[in-house]
Amino acid sequence: MPIIVNLDVMLAKRKMRSNELAEKIGITTANLSILKTGKAKAIRFSTLELICEILECQPGDIMEFVKE
């Protein structure tokens, strides 16, 4: 998949656990896990905005495009 999700890296940098982030943005830990593993087909901009706000980062810090 050409889009790589680095959410776990940002969580580690911010010393935050997945369940804490999931609670703060209002999604289940299962859905956050799907996003973290890159298995999600889409992400709402509102969810991405909340993730960036809470982790104090930019969308490019969480996702990157890698040409195959």
Protein backbone atom coordinates (compact mmCIF):
# COMPACT_ATOMS: atom_id res chain seq x y z
CA MET A 1 0.00 0.00 0.00
CA PRO A 2 1.52 3.35 -0.98
CA ILE A 3 0.12 5.24 2.05
CA ILE A 4 2.04 4.43 5.23
CA VAL A 5 0.47 5.28 8.60
CA ASN A 6 3.00 6.31 11.26
CA LEU A 7 0.51 6.90 14.04
CA ASP A 8 2.30 4.50 16.36
CA VAL A 9 5.50 6.53 15.94
CA MET A 10 3.73 9.76 16.92
CA LEU A 11 2.10 8.06 19.89
CA ALA A 12 5.51 6.89 21.09
CA LYS A 13 7.01 10.36 20.62
CA ARG A 14 4.18 11.88 22.68
CA LYS A 15 4.34 9.04 25.26
CA MET A 16 0.64 8.33 24.80
CA ARG A 17 -1.15 5.00 24.66
CA SER A 18 -3.60 4.07 21.92
CA ASN A 19 -6.53 3.70 24.29
CA GLU A 20 -5.90 7.19 25.69
CA LEU A 21 -5.91 8.72 22.19
CA ALA A 22 -9.01 6.74 21.19
CA GLU A 23 -10.85 8.02 24.26
CA LYS A 24 -9.82 11.64 23.59
CA ILE A 25 -10.94 11.58 19.94
CA GLY A 26 -14.10 9.57 20.60
CA ILE A 27 -13.49 6.39 18.61
CA THR A 28 -13.11 2.79 19.72
CA THR A 29 -9.68 1.30 20.31
CA ALA A 30 -10.54 -1.27 17.63
CA ASN A 31 -11.08 1.46 15.03
CA LEU A 32 -7.90 3.22 16.08
CA SER A 33 -6.05 -0.09 15.72
CA ILE A 34 -7.40 -0.48 12.18
CA LEU A 35 -6.12 3.00 11.39
CA LYS A 36 -2.71 2.37 13.01
CA THR A 37 -2.14 -0.83 11.04
CA GLY A 38 -2.97 0.84 7.73
CA LYS A 39 -6.02 -1.36 7.14
CA ALA A 40 -8.47 1.56 7.13
CA LYS A 41 -9.98 2.42 3.76
CA ALA A 42 -10.66 6.04 4.77
CA ILE A 43 -10.36 8.55 7.58
CA ARG A 44 -12.66 11.46 8.27
CA PHE A 45 -11.03 14.86 8.19
CA SER A 46 -12.64 15.61 11.55
CA THR A 47 -10.93 12.54 13.05
CA LEU A 48 -7.61 13.47 11.46
CA GLU A 49 -7.98 17.01 12.77
CA LEU A 50 -8.56 15.76 16.32
CA ILE A 51 -5.59 13.39 16.13
CA CYS A 52 -3.34 16.22 14.96
CA GLU A 53 -4.67 18.57 17.62
CA ILE A 54 -4.16 16.09 20.46
CA LEU A 55 -0.75 14.86 19.28
CA GLU A 56 0.31 18.39 18.29
CA CYS A 57 1.44 17.33 14.84
CA GLN A 58 0.69 17.73 11.14
CA PRO A 59 -1.13 15.15 8.94
CA GLY A 60 2.21 14.49 7.19
CA ASP A 61 3.66 13.38 10.52
CA ILE A 62 1.04 10.63 10.68
CA MET A 63 0.79 9.55 7.04
CA GLU A 64 3.24 9.39 4.18
CA PHE A 65 3.11 8.39 0.54
CA VAL A 66 5.64 5.82 -0.62
CA LYS A 67 5.78 5.09 -4.32
CA GLU A 68 5.73 1.37 -5.08
